[in-house]
Amino acid sequence: MKKLITALLMLLSLSVFAEPQMGVEFNQTIQPIPTDSPGKIEVVELFWYGCPHCHELDPQLNAWVKKQAKDVVFKRVPAVPRPDWVPMAKVFYVMESLNLTEKLHTKLFDAIHKQKAFRPDDEKAATEWLVRESGLDRKKVESEFASFSINTKINTAAQIFRATGATGVPTLLIDGRYITSVTMAGGPQELFNTANYIIENLRKAGKK
């Protein structure tokens, strides 16, 4: 019996410390995606404000980002796999354009998932919320929603999502070449372990 228990413990330890595998915990993107951070390792979160898993992961992700070295650059790109995700992508880019992301990012998640203030596909309600929370002039906010630059960013976000081969959110895109997710990795902590593994291997390969 002792031998059996020892063998099982050894197998368990191997599974715990096993390196993430390509095709299991992470994968290559369908197409390489250009990054905006030359000389750095870029980590992009593909997310949707309407996703409860993104909401749950957000504080853990923020804590993980704070621990990263200076050679890692983090940013968010709203996922746009279908038309009903466009309103929240617009809100994200409008907030970014008006320098409101830091102030309202978490509040928007909470408004949808905690307060149930509006549905994530309701652009009108989202606009009302943003006007109220930002304190900005309504015409300024509405004008930003309708701007050409915002629509261009939405189209680019949709192209990025397709090029990654992601099937859901939250997904991390690393160095424009690799994706991993909570589902692929097996849990939030496994997601961060996998991301750390990819980042460290990029460093070893000379990606700084």
C-alpha atoms as a PDB file:
ATOM      1  CA  MET A   1       0.000   0.000   0.000  1.00  0.00           C
ATOM      2  CA  LYS A   2       2.831   2.401   0.874  1.00  0.00           C
ATOM      3  CA  LYS A   3       4.430   1.800  -2.521  1.00  0.00           C
ATOM      4  CA  LEU A   4       1.118   2.540  -4.238  1.00  0.00           C
ATOM      5  CA  ILE A   5       0.663   5.764  -2.287  1.00  0.00           C
ATOM      6  CA  THR A   6       4.232   6.827  -3.074  1.00  0.00           C
ATOM      7  CA  ALA A   7       3.705   6.145  -6.763  1.00  0.00           C
ATOM      8  CA  LEU A   8       0.473   8.158  -6.782  1.00  0.00           C
ATOM      9  CA  LEU A   9       2.169  11.066  -5.016  1.00  0.00           C
ATOM     10  CA  MET A  10       4.974  11.018  -7.587  1.00  0.00           C
ATOM     11  CA  LEU A  11       2.478  11.097 -10.434  1.00  0.00           C
ATOM     12  CA  LEU A  12       0.621  13.946  -8.773  1.00  0.00           C
ATOM     13  CA  SER A  13       3.803  15.947  -8.326  1.00  0.00           C
ATOM     14  CA  LEU A  14       4.710  15.406 -11.966  1.00  0.00           C
ATOM     15  CA  SER A  15       1.298  16.633 -13.086  1.00  0.00           C
ATOM     16  CA  VAL A  16       1.535  19.703 -10.849  1.00  0.00           C
ATOM     17  CA  PHE A  17       4.966  20.722 -12.121  1.00  0.00           C
ATOM     18  CA  ALA A  18       4.561  19.605 -15.732  1.00  0.00           C
ATOM     19  CA  GLU A  19       5.408  22.267 -18.304  1.00  0.00           C
ATOM     20  CA  PRO A  20       2.513  23.665 -20.328  1.00  0.00           C
ATOM     21  CA  GLN A  21       2.196  21.964 -23.692  1.00  0.00           C
ATOM     22  CA  MET A  22       1.570  23.493 -27.101  1.00  0.00           C
ATOM     23  CA  GLY A  23      -1.850  22.378 -28.304  1.00  0.00           C
ATOM     24  CA  VAL A  24      -3.078  21.843 -24.753  1.00  0.00           C
ATOM     25  CA  GLU A  25      -2.516  24.770 -22.384  1.00  0.00           C
ATOM     26  CA  PHE A  26      -1.632  27.175 -25.198  1.00  0.00           C
ATOM     27  CA  ASN A  27      -1.523  27.363 -28.950  1.00  0.00           C
ATOM     28  CA  GLN A  28      -0.147  29.356 -31.836  1.00  0.00           C
ATOM     29  CA  THR A  29      -2.312  31.987 -33.464  1.00  0.00           C
ATOM     30  CA  ILE A  30      -3.788  31.294 -36.890  1.00  0.00           C
ATOM     31  CA  GLN A  31      -1.831  34.271 -38.199  1.00  0.00           C
ATOM     32  CA  PRO A  32       1.036  36.244 -36.648  1.00  0.00           C
ATOM     33  CA  ILE A  33      -0.321  39.531 -35.311  1.00  0.00           C
ATOM     34  CA  PRO A  34       1.870  42.652 -35.368  1.00  0.00           C
ATOM     35  CA  THR A  35       2.540  44.106 -31.916  1.00  0.00           C
ATOM     36  CA  ASP A  36       2.718  47.756 -30.902  1.00  0.00           C
ATOM     37  CA  SER A  37       5.670  47.326 -28.560  1.00  0.00           C
ATOM     38  CA  PRO A  38       8.994  46.789 -30.409  1.00  0.00           C
ATOM     39  CA  GLY A  39      11.628  45.177 -28.213  1.00  0.00           C
ATOM     40  CA  LYS A  40       9.066  44.222 -25.589  1.00  0.00           C
ATOM     41  CA  ILE A  41       6.935  41.150 -24.879  1.00  0.00           C
ATOM     42  CA  GLU A  42       3.376  42.242 -25.471  1.00  0.00           C
ATOM     43  CA  VAL A  43       0.531  40.588 -23.573  1.00  0.00           C
ATOM     44  CA  VAL A  44      -2.986  41.392 -24.763  1.00  0.00           C
ATOM     45  CA  GLU A  45      -6.180  40.439 -22.989  1.00  0.00           C
ATOM     46  CA  LEU A  46      -9.044  39.734 -25.374  1.00  0.00           C
ATOM     47  CA  PHE A  47     -12.162  40.336 -23.322  1.00  0.00           C
ATOM     48  CA  TRP A  48     -15.817  41.377 -23.306  1.00  0.00           C
ATOM     49  CA  TYR A  49     -17.488  43.463 -20.623  1.00  0.00           C
ATOM     50  CA  GLY A  50     -20.518  41.176 -20.828  1.00  0.00           C
ATOM     51  CA  CYS A  51     -18.456  38.091 -19.934  1.00  0.00           C
ATOM     52  CA  PRO A  52     -18.814  36.990 -16.278  1.00  0.00           C
ATOM     53  CA  HIS A  53     -15.511  35.085 -16.480  1.00  0.00           C
ATOM     54  CA  CYS A  54     -13.711  38.254 -17.620  1.00  0.00           C
ATOM     55  CA  HIS A  55     -15.281  40.093 -14.689  1.00  0.00           C
ATOM     56  CA  GLU A  56     -14.098  37.434 -12.240  1.00  0.00           C
ATOM     57  CA  LEU A  57     -10.601  37.285 -13.716  1.00  0.00           C
ATOM     58  CA  ASP A  58     -10.050  41.055 -13.887  1.00  0.00           C
ATOM     59  CA  PRO A  59      -8.695  41.666 -10.336  1.00  0.00           C
ATOM     60  CA  GLN A  60      -6.452  38.604 -10.560  1.00  0.00           C
ATOM     61  CA  LEU A  61      -5.189  39.711 -13.957  1.00  0.00           C
ATOM     62  CA  ASN A  62      -4.466  43.214 -12.663  1.00  0.00           C
ATOM     63  CA  ALA A  63      -2.443  41.737  -9.794  1.00  0.00           C
ATOM     64  CA  TRP A  64      -0.501  39.507 -12.204  1.00  0.00           C
ATOM     65  CA  VAL A  65       0.274  42.432 -14.517  1.00  0.00           C
ATOM     66  CA  LYS A  66       1.730  44.439 -11.622  1.00  0.00           C
ATOM     67  CA  LYS A  67       4.246  41.648 -10.991  1.00  0.00           C
ATOM     68  CA  GLN A  68       5.638  41.652 -14.521  1.00  0.00           C
ATOM     69  CA  ALA A  69       9.111  42.903 -15.399  1.00  0.00           C
ATOM     70  CA  LYS A  70       9.688  46.029 -17.486  1.00  0.00           C
ATOM     71  CA  ASP A  71      10.112  44.008 -20.672  1.00  0.00           C
ATOM     72  CA  VAL A  72       6.414  43.021 -20.567  1.00  0.00           C
ATOM     73  CA  VAL A  73       3.793  45.404 -21.921  1.00  0.00           C
ATOM     74  CA  PHE A  74       0.138  44.752 -21.182  1.00  0.00           C
ATOM     75  CA  LYS A  75      -2.934  46.070 -22.957  1.00  0.00           C
ATOM     76  CA  ARG A  76      -6.550  45.137 -23.582  1.00  0.00           C
ATOM     77  CA  VAL A  77      -8.377  44.609 -26.851  1.00  0.00           C
ATOM     78  CA  PRO A  78     -12.154  44.080 -26.796  1.00  0.00           C
ATOM     79  CA  ALA A  79     -13.199  40.859 -28.483  1.00  0.00           C
ATOM     80  CA  VAL A  80     -15.575  41.329 -31.408  1.00  0.00           C
ATOM     81  CA  PRO A  81     -16.564  37.855 -32.657  1.00  0.00           C
ATOM     82  CA  ARG A  82     -20.145  38.928 -33.457  1.00  0.00           C
ATOM     83  CA  PRO A  83     -22.302  42.075 -33.805  1.00  0.00           C
ATOM     84  CA  ASP A  84     -23.858  42.045 -30.325  1.00  0.00           C
ATOM     85  CA  TRP A  85     -20.375  42.444 -28.790  1.00  0.00           C
ATOM     86  CA  VAL A  86     -19.764  45.690 -30.689  1.00  0.00           C
ATOM     87  CA  PRO A  87     -21.478  48.045 -28.165  1.00  0.00           C
ATOM     88  CA  MET A  88     -19.101  47.107 -25.351  1.00  0.00           C
ATOM     89  CA  ALA A  89     -16.105  47.354 -27.680  1.00  0.00           C
ATOM     90  CA  LYS A  90     -17.261  50.865 -28.565  1.00  0.00           C
ATOM     91  CA  VAL A  91     -17.566  51.798 -24.894  1.00  0.00           C
ATOM     92  CA  PHE A  92     -14.031  50.546 -24.270  1.00  0.00           C
ATOM     93  CA  TYR A  93     -12.533  52.591 -27.102  1.00  0.00           C
ATOM     94  CA  VAL A  94     -14.577  55.685 -26.213  1.00  0.00           C
ATOM     95  CA  MET A  95     -13.343  55.451 -22.616  1.00  0.00           C
ATOM     96  CA  GLU A  96      -9.797  55.001 -23.898  1.00  0.00           C
ATOM     97  CA  SER A  97     -10.123  58.008 -26.210  1.00  0.00           C
ATOM     98  CA  LEU A  98     -11.467  60.192 -23.389  1.00  0.00           C
ATOM     99  CA  ASN A  99      -8.832  58.973 -20.881  1.00  0.00           C
ATOM    100  CA  LEU A 100     -11.479  57.328 -18.707  1.00  0.00           C
ATOM    101  CA  THR A 101     -10.316  53.704 -18.768  1.00  0.00           C
ATOM    102  CA  GLU A 102      -8.528  53.711 -15.421  1.00  0.00           C
ATOM    103  CA  LYS A 103     -11.462  55.461 -13.756  1.00  0.00           C
ATOM    104  CA  LEU A 104     -14.321  53.454 -15.266  1.00  0.00           C
ATOM    105  CA  HIS A 105     -13.032  50.034 -16.422  1.00  0.00           C
ATOM    106  CA  THR A 106     -13.887  48.192 -13.193  1.00  0.00           C
ATOM    107  CA  LYS A 107     -17.028  50.279 -12.665  1.00  0.00           C
ATOM    108  CA  LEU A 108     -18.350  49.184 -16.053  1.00  0.00           C
ATOM    109  CA  PHE A 109     -17.800  45.513 -15.220  1.00  0.00           C
ATOM    110  CA  ASP A 110     -19.622  46.022 -11.916  1.00  0.00           C
ATOM    111  CA  ALA A 111     -22.478  47.971 -13.523  1.00  0.00           C
ATOM    112  CA  ILE A 112     -23.208  45.023 -15.807  1.00  0.00           C
ATOM    113  CA  HIS A 113     -22.559  42.085 -13.490  1.00  0.00           C
ATOM    114  CA  LYS A 114     -23.296  43.424 -10.002  1.00  0.00           C
ATOM    115  CA  GLN A 115     -25.808  46.228 -10.440  1.00  0.00           C
ATOM    116  CA  LYS A 116     -27.382  44.716 -13.594  1.00  0.00           C
ATOM    117  CA  ALA A 117     -27.702  48.319 -14.784  1.00  0.00           C
ATOM    118  CA  PHE A 118     -28.040  47.461 -18.474  1.00  0.00           C
ATOM    119  CA  ARG A 119     -27.482  44.687 -20.989  1.00  0.00           C
ATOM    120  CA  PRO A 120     -24.077  44.621 -22.668  1.00  0.00           C
ATOM    121  CA  ASP A 121     -25.657  44.762 -26.132  1.00  0.00           C
ATOM    122  CA  ASP A 122     -27.560  47.977 -25.335  1.00  0.00           C
ATOM    123  CA  GLU A 123     -25.444  50.787 -26.784  1.00  0.00           C
ATOM    124  CA  LYS A 124     -27.940  53.516 -25.869  1.00  0.00           C
ATOM    125  CA  ALA A 125     -28.012  52.487 -22.215  1.00  0.00           C
ATOM    126  CA  ALA A 126     -24.230  52.166 -22.185  1.00  0.00           C
ATOM    127  CA  THR A 127     -23.907  55.676 -23.601  1.00  0.00           C
ATOM    128  CA  GLU A 128     -26.235  57.027 -20.898  1.00  0.00           C
ATOM    129  CA  TRP A 129     -24.161  55.281 -18.244  1.00  0.00           C
ATOM    130  CA  LEU A 130     -20.913  56.690 -19.624  1.00  0.00           C
ATOM    131  CA  VAL A 131     -22.275  60.236 -19.766  1.00  0.00           C
ATOM    132  CA  ARG A 132     -23.468  59.957 -16.180  1.00  0.00           C
ATOM    133  CA  GLU A 133     -20.316  58.353 -14.764  1.00  0.00           C
ATOM    134  CA  SER A 134     -17.848  60.526 -16.668  1.00  0.00           C
ATOM    135  CA  GLY A 135     -19.591  63.843 -16.036  1.00  0.00           C
ATOM    136  CA  LEU A 136     -18.723  64.883 -19.587  1.00  0.00           C
ATOM    137  CA  ASP A 137     -20.952  66.731 -22.010  1.00  0.00           C
ATOM    138  CA  ARG A 138     -23.419  64.377 -23.702  1.00  0.00           C
ATOM    139  CA  LYS A 139     -22.641  65.687 -27.193  1.00  0.00           C
ATOM    140  CA  LYS A 140     -18.936  65.065 -26.674  1.00  0.00           C
ATOM    141  CA  VAL A 141     -19.541  61.441 -25.644  1.00  0.00           C
ATOM    142  CA  GLU A 142     -22.090  60.769 -28.392  1.00  0.00           C
ATOM    143  CA  SER A 143     -19.781  62.323 -30.978  1.00  0.00           C
ATOM    144  CA  GLU A 144     -16.978  60.002 -29.870  1.00  0.00           C
ATOM    145  CA  PHE A 145     -19.261  56.967 -30.183  1.00  0.00           C
ATOM    146  CA  ALA A 146     -20.008  57.913 -33.804  1.00  0.00           C
ATOM    147  CA  SER A 147     -16.442  58.826 -34.767  1.00  0.00           C
ATOM    148  CA  PHE A 148     -14.603  57.244 -37.666  1.00  0.00           C
ATOM    149  CA  SER A 149     -11.592  56.398 -35.485  1.00  0.00           C
ATOM    150  CA  ILE A 150     -13.715  54.346 -33.088  1.00  0.00           C
ATOM    151  CA  ASN A 151     -15.280  52.381 -35.946  1.00  0.00           C
ATOM    152  CA  THR A 152     -11.818  51.757 -37.395  1.00  0.00           C
ATOM    153  CA  LYS A 153     -10.633  50.376 -34.055  1.00  0.00           C
ATOM    154  CA  ILE A 154     -13.695  48.099 -33.868  1.00  0.00           C
ATOM    155  CA  ASN A 155     -12.880  46.646 -37.292  1.00  0.00           C
ATOM    156  CA  THR A 156      -9.257  46.118 -36.269  1.00  0.00           C
ATOM    157  CA  ALA A 157     -10.321  44.400 -33.035  1.00  0.00           C
ATOM    158  CA  ALA A 158     -12.574  42.044 -35.001  1.00  0.00           C
ATOM    159  CA  GLN A 159      -9.686  41.189 -37.343  1.00  0.00           C
ATOM    160  CA  ILE A 160      -7.371  40.511 -34.401  1.00  0.00           C
ATOM    161  CA  PHE A 161      -9.873  38.158 -32.781  1.00  0.00           C
ATOM    162  CA  ARG A 162     -10.262  36.156 -36.004  1.00  0.00           C
ATOM    163  CA  ALA A 163      -6.505  36.021 -36.563  1.00  0.00           C
ATOM    164  CA  THR A 164      -5.831  34.623 -33.086  1.00  0.00           C
ATOM    165  CA  GLY A 165      -8.108  31.630 -33.571  1.00  0.00           C
ATOM    166  CA  ALA A 166      -9.571  32.268 -30.115  1.00  0.00           C
ATOM    167  CA  THR A 167     -12.925  30.648 -29.434  1.00  0.00           C
ATOM    168  CA  GLY A 168     -13.894  32.620 -26.347  1.00  0.00           C
ATOM    169  CA  VAL A 169     -12.846  35.080 -23.664  1.00  0.00           C
ATOM    170  CA  PRO A 170     -10.920  35.865 -21.586  1.00  0.00           C
ATOM    171  CA  THR A 171      -7.966  34.958 -23.796  1.00  0.00           C
ATOM    172  CA  LEU A 172      -4.374  36.155 -23.515  1.00  0.00           C
ATOM    173  CA  LEU A 173      -2.480  36.889 -26.725  1.00  0.00           C
ATOM    174  CA  ILE A 174       1.263  36.835 -26.115  1.00  0.00           C
ATOM    175  CA  ASP A 175       3.819  38.380 -28.474  1.00  0.00           C
ATOM    176  CA  GLY A 176       1.261  38.241 -31.284  1.00  0.00           C
ATOM    177  CA  ARG A 177       1.989  34.534 -31.718  1.00  0.00           C
ATOM    178  CA  TYR A 178       0.540  32.539 -28.845  1.00  0.00           C
ATOM    179  CA  ILE A 179      -2.827  32.337 -27.116  1.00  0.00           C
ATOM    180  CA  THR A 180      -3.927  30.796 -23.859  1.00  0.00           C
ATOM    181  CA  SER A 181      -7.095  31.016 -21.799  1.00  0.00           C
ATOM    182  CA  VAL A 182      -8.635  29.893 -18.540  1.00  0.00           C
ATOM    183  CA  THR A 183     -10.359  27.077 -20.423  1.00  0.00           C
ATOM    184  CA  MET A 184      -7.220  25.931 -22.252  1.00  0.00           C
ATOM    185  CA  ALA A 185      -4.927  26.184 -19.237  1.00  0.00           C
ATOM    186  CA  GLY A 186      -7.382  24.659 -16.774  1.00  0.00           C
ATOM    187  CA  GLY A 187      -8.062  27.572 -14.413  1.00  0.00           C
ATOM    188  CA  PRO A 188      -7.017  31.141 -13.560  1.00  0.00           C
ATOM    189  CA  GLN A 189      -3.762  30.225 -11.808  1.00  0.00           C
ATOM    190  CA  GLU A 190      -2.914  27.775 -14.583  1.00  0.00           C
ATOM    191  CA  LEU A 191      -3.524  30.580 -17.074  1.00  0.00           C
ATOM    192  CA  PHE A 192      -0.947  32.781 -15.360  1.00  0.00           C
ATOM    193  CA  ASN A 193       1.496  29.859 -15.029  1.00  0.00           C
ATOM    194  CA  THR A 194       1.177  29.229 -18.757  1.00  0.00           C
ATOM    195  CA  ALA A 195       1.619  32.907 -19.586  1.00  0.00           C
ATOM    196  CA  ASN A 196       4.722  33.041 -17.363  1.00  0.00           C
ATOM    197  CA  TYR A 197       6.094  29.961 -19.127  1.00  0.00           C
ATOM    198  CA  ILE A 198       5.613  31.503 -22.580  1.00  0.00           C
ATOM    199  CA  ILE A 199       7.105  34.837 -21.490  1.00  0.00           C
ATOM    200  CA  GLU A 200      10.155  33.174 -19.950  1.00  0.00           C
ATOM    201  CA  ASN A 201      10.767  31.127 -23.085  1.00  0.00           C
ATOM    202  CA  LEU A 202      10.503  34.256 -25.231  1.00  0.00           C
ATOM    203  CA  ARG A 203      13.156  35.832 -23.019  1.00  0.00           C
ATOM    204  CA  LYS A 204      15.411  32.812 -23.412  1.00  0.00           C
ATOM    205  CA  ALA A 205      14.946  33.005 -27.172  1.00  0.00           C
ATOM    206  CA  GLY A 206      16.204  36.593 -27.089  1.00  0.00           C
ATOM    207  CA  LYS A 207      12.858  38.403 -27.247  1.00  0.00           C
ATOM    208  CA  LYS A 208      13.427  41.421 -24.996  1.00  0.00           C
END
